[in-house]
Amino acid sequence: MATLAAPDIQIDSFLEEGSLDSMAADIRAGLERRPKELPPKYFYDARGSELFDRITEQPEYYPTRCERAILNRHAPTIVELTGARELVELGSGSASKTRALLYAMAGAGTLERYVPVDVSEAVVERSALELCELYPGLRVHGLVGDFERHLPHLPAGEHRLFAFLGGTFGNHFPEQRATFLASLRELFGSGDFLLLGTDLRKDPAVLEAAYNDAAGVTSEFNRNVLRNVNTALGGDFEPEAFEHRAVFDPDASRIEMRLVARAEQHVRIAAAGIEVHFADGEEMLTEISTKFTPEGLEEELRTAGLGLEALFTDEDGLFAVSLARPL
C-alpha cells in the first residue's frame, strides 16, 4: 500500500494484516526453545520506545552519546568519501541518529532523497514532514515494515548511503548478521556504501554497568516485553515475578539480557495457544548485544562481499562507526 503524505513524500507500507498471528508464532517458537527466548523486537510498543529513550539518557549508557559524537565530528568526511545523494536509514525512528549526516549532505549540496525504514508509519510520516520542511526540495520515500524481511521493497537508487546505526547490528546472532549483510549486499550498486554502528569490546565492568543502570530503567525496559505480550496476545505474565539480569559472556563477546523467574510459575498466552512452566530461578533470554573488535567486524563485512573503507571511533574508543562498500 502506498500513501502520499505531501507532494515530495511517498510512504509504502508492507506490514501484514496478520501481524498479531506473526507475533504469536514468534512468541510460541521462542518459549518452546531451551533455554526459553523472547524476540527483542517485541520490547517496542509505545512504552518500550519511551523507556529506551530514557535508557539512552542514563549516565552508564555510553553507546548513544558516543555514536552521536562520532557522527557530529565525521559526517562531512563521510559525505565527502561517499558522494552520497540518498540516505537510506534502516530502523530510522525519528531520524535522530542521522541528522548530522543529512545536515552534511545538504551542506555539500548532494542531498536529494531520504529513505527511512521503520515499523511505525506514524513515526515515518512525522519525520518525513519535518525533514521536508527543514530541507526544501528533499524527497522522502518511506518504507513501513521490517527491515529484515522487506529490504527487497526498497526503491531503486544510485549513490546511496545505507545507515544501520545504534548498535542494532549487534543484537543479532552471528548467522543472522551474515544473512542480513549478504541480503543487503545484493541490493548494492557500485556507488553505494554502508555506514554501520557497532559497540566495541571493552572492560566487562563498563559493559555490564551500561545494561544495569542504577535508576533501574533497563530493568523496566526488559520486563516491558512481558507487558507487551500480555496486552497484544492475552498473556498473564506477572512482570514483577521476573528479575532483570544482564551479564557479559566473554566467549561469545556479548551482553546477554535475561529475565529470571523469582519463583515457580505457570503462564498462559491465549492468542499463542500455549501454557508455559517456569522453574524457580529459570532464565529466559530477551536480547543479546555483541561487542566487536575492529578485526572481527572487518572479517564479517568481507565475508559478505563488503570492504571496510574507514573506521571512526569516539575519543575513548568505546564505539565505532564503520564505512564499507562492495568489493
Protein backbone atom coordinates (compact mmCIF):
# COMPACT_ATOMS: atom_id res chain seq x y z
CA MET A 1 0.00 0.00 0.00
CA ALA A 2 1.34 3.46 -0.87
CA THR A 3 0.17 6.78 0.51
CA LEU A 4 1.18 10.31 -0.35
CA ALA A 5 1.51 12.49 2.74
CA ALA A 6 2.77 15.51 0.75
CA PRO A 7 3.94 16.17 -2.84
CA ASP A 8 7.54 15.17 -2.07
CA ILE A 9 6.68 12.31 0.31
CA GLN A 10 5.74 8.74 -0.55
CA ILE A 11 5.20 6.11 2.12
CA ASP A 12 4.87 2.42 1.23
CA SER A 13 3.57 0.06 3.90
CA PHE A 14 4.29 -3.66 3.84
CA LEU A 15 3.06 -4.61 7.29
CA GLU A 16 0.74 -7.59 7.04
CA GLU A 17 -2.76 -7.59 8.43
CA GLY A 18 -1.86 -10.79 10.28
CA SER A 19 0.90 -9.17 12.33
CA LEU A 20 -0.59 -10.49 15.59
CA ASP A 21 -0.52 -14.01 14.15
CA SER A 22 3.14 -13.48 13.29
CA MET A 23 3.85 -12.22 16.81
CA ALA A 24 2.05 -15.20 18.33
CA ALA A 25 4.13 -17.57 16.20
CA ASP A 26 7.36 -15.82 17.22
CA ILE A 27 6.48 -15.93 20.92
CA ARG A 28 5.41 -19.57 20.75
CA ALA A 29 8.63 -20.59 18.97
CA GLY A 30 10.80 -18.67 21.43
CA LEU A 31 9.17 -20.11 24.52
CA GLU A 32 9.50 -23.64 23.15
CA ARG A 33 13.29 -23.28 22.89
CA ARG A 34 15.68 -24.38 25.61
CA PRO A 35 16.64 -22.06 27.13
CA LYS A 36 13.50 -20.01 26.53
CA GLU A 37 13.75 -16.81 24.47
CA LEU A 38 11.60 -13.81 23.63
CA PRO A 39 12.39 -11.83 20.44
CA PRO A 40 13.76 -8.39 21.37
CA LYS A 41 11.71 -6.60 18.70
CA TYR A 42 8.70 -7.01 20.98
CA PHE A 43 10.20 -4.63 23.54
CA TYR A 44 8.98 -1.79 21.37
CA ASP A 45 5.42 -0.84 21.98
CA ALA A 46 4.86 2.85 22.84
CA ARG A 47 6.00 2.36 26.44
CA GLY A 48 9.03 0.34 25.37
CA SER A 49 10.14 3.08 22.98
CA GLU A 50 9.76 5.67 25.74
CA LEU A 51 11.79 3.52 28.14
CA PHE A 52 14.55 3.03 25.60
CA ASP A 53 14.78 6.78 25.06
CA ARG A 54 15.26 7.11 28.82
CA ILE A 55 17.95 4.41 28.77
CA THR A 56 19.99 6.47 26.30
CA GLU A 57 19.97 9.34 28.81
CA GLN A 58 21.38 7.29 31.71
CA PRO A 59 24.97 8.12 32.73
CA GLU A 60 26.05 4.47 32.45
CA TYR A 61 24.76 4.06 28.90
CA TYR A 62 27.51 5.38 26.62
CA PRO A 63 26.65 3.98 23.11
CA THR A 64 24.17 6.65 22.02
CA ARG A 65 26.35 9.54 23.19
CA CYS A 66 29.46 8.06 21.60
CA GLU A 67 27.80 7.35 18.26
CA ARG A 68 26.31 10.84 18.13
CA ALA A 69 29.71 12.38 18.85
CA ILE A 70 31.29 10.31 16.06
CA LEU A 71 28.68 11.37 13.53
CA ASN A 72 28.77 15.01 14.56
CA ARG A 73 32.53 15.04 14.08
CA HIS A 74 32.91 12.91 10.97
CA ALA A 75 29.71 13.42 8.96
CA PRO A 76 31.35 15.87 6.50
CA THR A 77 34.18 13.39 5.89
CA ILE A 78 31.70 10.53 5.37
CA VAL A 79 29.74 12.59 2.85
CA GLU A 80 32.94 13.56 1.04
CA LEU A 81 34.15 9.93 0.87
CA THR A 82 30.84 8.58 -0.41
CA GLY A 83 29.46 11.37 -2.58
CA ALA A 84 26.08 10.07 -1.44
CA ARG A 85 22.95 11.65 -2.87
CA GLU A 86 20.50 9.42 -0.99
CA LEU A 87 20.41 8.33 2.63
CA VAL A 88 18.68 5.01 3.37
CA GLU A 89 18.20 4.54 7.11
CA LEU A 90 17.29 1.12 8.48
CA GLY A 91 15.38 1.35 11.75
CA SER A 92 15.05 5.09 11.27
CA GLY A 93 12.74 6.07 14.12
CA SER A 94 12.57 9.87 14.19
CA ALA A 95 15.84 10.16 12.19
CA SER A 96 17.58 11.46 15.31
CA LYS A 97 20.67 9.30 14.67
CA THR A 98 21.22 10.62 11.15
CA ARG A 99 20.54 14.35 11.48
CA ALA A 100 24.26 15.10 11.27
CA LEU A 101 24.52 13.15 8.00
CA LEU A 102 21.50 14.87 6.47
CA TYR A 103 22.91 18.25 7.50
CA ALA A 104 26.31 17.45 5.98
CA MET A 105 24.76 16.19 2.74
CA ALA A 106 22.65 19.34 2.48
CA GLY A 107 25.72 21.47 3.15
CA ALA A 108 27.61 19.68 0.40
CA GLY A 109 24.69 20.17 -2.00
CA THR A 110 24.23 16.43 -2.57
CA LEU A 111 21.09 15.67 -0.55
CA GLU A 112 18.32 14.51 -2.90
CA ARG A 113 16.34 11.79 -1.16
CA TYR A 114 15.89 10.23 2.26
CA VAL A 115 14.56 6.67 2.56
CA PRO A 116 13.55 5.82 6.15
CA VAL A 117 12.64 2.23 7.05
CA ASP A 118 10.69 1.66 10.26
CA VAL A 119 7.80 -0.39 11.64
CA SER A 120 5.80 2.71 12.62
CA GLU A 121 4.02 4.55 9.82
CA ALA A 122 3.20 7.47 12.12
CA VAL A 123 6.86 7.94 13.01
CA VAL A 124 7.97 7.75 9.37
CA GLU A 125 5.38 10.26 8.23
CA ARG A 126 6.09 12.66 11.09
CA SER A 127 9.84 12.72 10.46
CA ALA A 128 9.29 13.00 6.69
CA LEU A 129 7.13 16.09 7.09
CA GLU A 130 9.65 17.65 9.47
CA LEU A 131 12.64 16.95 7.24
CA CYS A 132 10.93 18.25 4.09
CA GLU A 133 10.29 21.48 5.95
CA LEU A 134 13.91 21.69 7.08
CA TYR A 135 15.32 20.83 3.64
CA PRO A 136 13.19 22.32 0.84
CA GLY A 137 13.36 20.15 -2.26
CA LEU A 138 14.13 16.97 -0.33
CA ARG A 139 12.20 13.91 -1.46
CA VAL A 140 11.28 11.25 1.10
CA HIS A 141 10.29 7.70 0.18
CA GLY A 142 9.46 5.88 3.40
CA LEU A 143 9.09 2.14 3.81
CA VAL A 144 6.96 0.88 6.69
CA GLY A 145 7.99 -2.65 7.51
CA ASP A 146 10.55 -4.99 8.99
CA PHE A 147 14.00 -4.31 7.53
CA GLU A 148 14.88 -7.98 7.97
CA ARG A 149 12.07 -9.06 5.61
CA HIS A 150 11.16 -6.10 3.43
CA LEU A 151 14.52 -4.89 2.07
CA PRO A 152 13.63 -6.07 -1.47
CA HIS A 153 10.88 -3.42 -1.49
CA LEU A 154 13.33 -0.53 -1.15
CA PRO A 155 13.07 1.95 -4.03
CA ALA A 156 15.82 1.73 -6.62
CA GLY A 157 18.50 4.38 -6.39
CA GLU A 158 22.11 5.33 -7.05
CA HIS A 159 24.89 6.79 -4.92
CA ARG A 160 23.14 5.65 -1.75
CA LEU A 161 24.45 5.63 1.79
CA PHE A 162 22.77 2.87 3.81
CA ALA A 163 22.87 3.68 7.53
CA PHE A 164 22.31 0.97 10.14
CA LEU A 165 23.13 2.68 13.41
CA GLY A 166 22.51 2.45 17.14
CA GLY A 167 24.36 -0.85 17.57
CA THR A 168 21.29 -2.80 16.40
CA PHE A 169 23.52 -4.98 14.21
CA GLY A 170 24.95 -6.47 17.40
CA ASN A 171 21.50 -7.57 18.61
CA HIS A 172 21.64 -10.43 16.10
CA PHE A 173 23.35 -13.79 16.36
CA PRO A 174 26.34 -14.39 14.01
CA GLU A 175 24.36 -16.38 11.43
CA GLN A 176 21.65 -13.70 11.40
CA ARG A 177 24.26 -10.98 10.89
CA ALA A 178 25.79 -12.91 8.00
CA THR A 179 22.40 -13.39 6.33
CA PHE A 180 21.49 -9.74 6.80
CA LEU A 181 24.75 -8.41 5.35
CA ALA A 182 24.56 -10.80 2.40
CA SER A 183 20.98 -9.70 1.66
CA LEU A 184 21.98 -6.06 1.88
CA ARG A 185 24.98 -6.60 -0.37
CA GLU A 186 22.70 -7.95 -3.10
CA LEU A 187 20.94 -4.57 -3.23
CA PHE A 188 24.10 -2.51 -3.55
CA GLY A 189 25.25 -0.84 -6.72
CA SER A 190 28.88 0.06 -7.26
CA GLY A 191 28.33 3.58 -5.91
CA ASP A 192 26.56 2.53 -2.71
CA PHE A 193 28.04 2.48 0.81
CA LEU A 194 27.11 1.05 4.21
CA LEU A 195 27.51 3.00 7.44
CA LEU A 196 27.35 0.62 10.39
CA GLY A 197 27.26 1.46 14.11
CA THR A 198 28.77 -1.16 16.42
CA ASP A 199 29.78 -1.29 20.06
CA LEU A 200 33.38 -2.29 20.78
CA ARG A 201 34.73 -4.84 23.23
CA LYS A 202 35.99 -3.28 26.45
CA ASP A 203 36.19 -3.73 30.23
CA PRO A 204 33.27 -6.04 31.21
CA ALA A 205 32.51 -3.80 34.19
CA VAL A 206 31.81 -0.89 31.84
CA LEU A 207 29.66 -3.10 29.62
CA GLU A 208 27.60 -4.59 32.41
CA ALA A 209 27.04 -1.19 34.04
CA ALA A 210 25.55 0.10 30.78
CA TYR A 211 22.83 -2.57 30.95
CA ASN A 212 22.26 -2.39 34.70
CA ASP A 213 21.74 1.33 35.26
CA ALA A 214 21.32 2.49 38.83
CA ALA A 215 17.94 4.07 38.08
CA GLY A 216 16.52 0.71 37.01
CA VAL A 217 15.30 1.92 33.62
CA THR A 218 16.81 -1.03 31.72
CA SER A 219 15.20 -3.38 34.22
CA GLU A 220 11.78 -1.90 33.45
CA PHE A 221 12.54 -1.97 29.72
CA ASN A 222 13.41 -5.67 29.93
CA ARG A 223 10.21 -6.56 31.77
CA ASN A 224 8.17 -4.47 29.33
CA VAL A 225 8.36 -7.28 26.78
CA LEU A 226 6.15 -9.29 29.15
CA ARG A 227 3.63 -6.46 29.40
CA ASN A 228 3.58 -6.18 25.63
CA VAL A 229 2.89 -9.90 25.26
CA ASN A 230 0.10 -9.64 27.83
CA THR A 231 -1.55 -6.72 26.02
CA ALA A 232 -1.18 -7.99 22.47
CA LEU A 233 -1.72 -11.72 22.96
CA GLY A 234 -3.80 -12.08 26.12
CA GLY A 235 -0.96 -13.32 28.30
CA ASP A 236 -0.94 -13.42 32.08
CA PHE A 237 2.73 -12.83 32.80
CA GLU A 238 3.37 -11.10 36.13
CA PRO A 239 6.30 -8.84 35.17
CA GLU A 240 7.37 -8.25 38.77
CA ALA A 241 7.71 -12.01 39.18
CA PHE A 242 10.80 -11.80 36.96
CA GLU A 243 14.16 -10.23 37.77
CA HIS A 244 16.26 -8.37 35.21
CA ARG A 245 19.78 -9.68 34.68
CA ALA A 246 22.43 -8.55 32.19
CA VAL A 247 25.82 -10.27 32.07
CA PHE A 248 28.79 -10.29 29.70
CA ASP A 249 29.67 -13.59 28.04
CA PRO A 250 33.38 -13.29 27.18
CA ASP A 251 33.43 -16.36 24.93
CA ALA A 252 30.64 -15.02 22.69
CA SER A 253 31.76 -11.40 23.28
CA ARG A 254 28.26 -10.21 24.04
CA ILE A 255 25.97 -8.90 26.74
CA GLU A 256 23.04 -11.22 27.37
CA MET A 257 19.89 -9.70 28.82
CA ARG A 258 17.71 -12.18 30.63
CA LEU A 259 14.59 -12.37 32.76
CA VAL A 260 14.87 -14.70 35.74
CA ALA A 261 11.81 -16.27 37.36
CA ARG A 262 11.68 -15.35 41.05
CA ALA A 263 9.57 -18.45 41.80
CA GLU A 264 7.99 -21.41 40.04
CA GLN A 265 5.09 -20.22 37.92
CA HIS A 266 2.76 -21.05 35.03
CA VAL A 267 1.95 -18.57 32.29
CA ARG A 268 -0.88 -18.77 29.77
CA ILE A 269 -0.79 -16.86 26.46
CA ALA A 270 -4.24 -17.14 24.93
CA ALA A 271 -3.59 -15.92 21.37
CA ALA A 272 -0.48 -18.11 21.07
CA GLY A 273 -2.39 -21.12 22.38
CA ILE A 274 0.26 -22.11 24.92
CA GLU A 275 0.80 -22.56 28.63
CA VAL A 276 4.38 -22.29 29.82
CA HIS A 277 6.01 -23.53 33.02
CA PHE A 278 8.91 -21.63 34.62
CA ALA A 279 11.03 -23.23 37.32
CA ASP A 280 12.24 -21.12 40.23
CA GLY A 281 15.38 -19.32 39.01
CA GLU A 282 14.86 -20.27 35.35
CA GLU A 283 16.38 -17.77 32.91
CA MET A 284 14.81 -16.53 29.68
CA LEU A 285 16.95 -14.74 27.06
CA THR A 286 15.44 -11.47 25.84
CA GLU A 287 18.31 -9.75 24.00
CA ILE A 288 21.95 -10.04 23.06
CA SER A 289 24.31 -7.16 22.31
CA THR A 290 27.52 -8.24 20.61
CA LYS A 291 30.72 -6.31 21.26
CA PHE A 292 33.08 -6.28 18.30
CA THR A 293 36.77 -5.91 17.64
CA PRO A 294 37.73 -3.94 14.50
CA GLU A 295 39.34 -7.08 13.07
CA GLY A 296 36.25 -9.21 13.68
CA LEU A 297 33.98 -6.59 12.19
CA GLU A 298 36.13 -6.27 9.08
CA GLU A 299 36.03 -10.05 8.62
CA GLU A 300 32.23 -10.16 8.84
CA LEU A 301 31.97 -7.41 6.24
CA ARG A 302 34.48 -9.10 3.93
CA THR A 303 32.63 -12.41 4.14
CA ALA A 304 29.51 -10.61 2.87
CA GLY A 305 31.41 -9.03 -0.02
CA LEU A 306 31.92 -5.63 1.61
CA GLY A 307 35.26 -3.91 2.08
CA LEU A 308 35.99 -1.66 5.06
CA GLU A 309 36.83 1.83 3.83
CA ALA A 310 37.11 3.67 7.16
CA LEU A 311 36.51 3.10 10.86
CA PHE A 312 35.60 6.05 13.07
CA THR A 313 35.60 5.89 16.87
CA ASP A 314 34.92 8.27 19.73
CA GLU A 315 37.86 9.72 21.68
CA ASP A 316 37.80 6.89 24.23
CA GLY A 317 37.48 4.11 21.66
CA LEU A 318 34.22 2.80 23.14
CA PHE A 319 32.08 2.74 19.99
CA ALA A 320 32.70 2.51 16.25
CA VAL A 321 31.01 3.67 13.07
CA SER A 322 32.39 1.86 10.04
CA LEU A 323 32.10 2.74 6.37
CA ALA A 324 32.07 -0.11 3.86
CA ARG A 325 31.45 -0.58 0.14
CA PRO A 326 31.08 -3.53 -2.26
CA LEU A 327 34.31 -5.34 -3.03
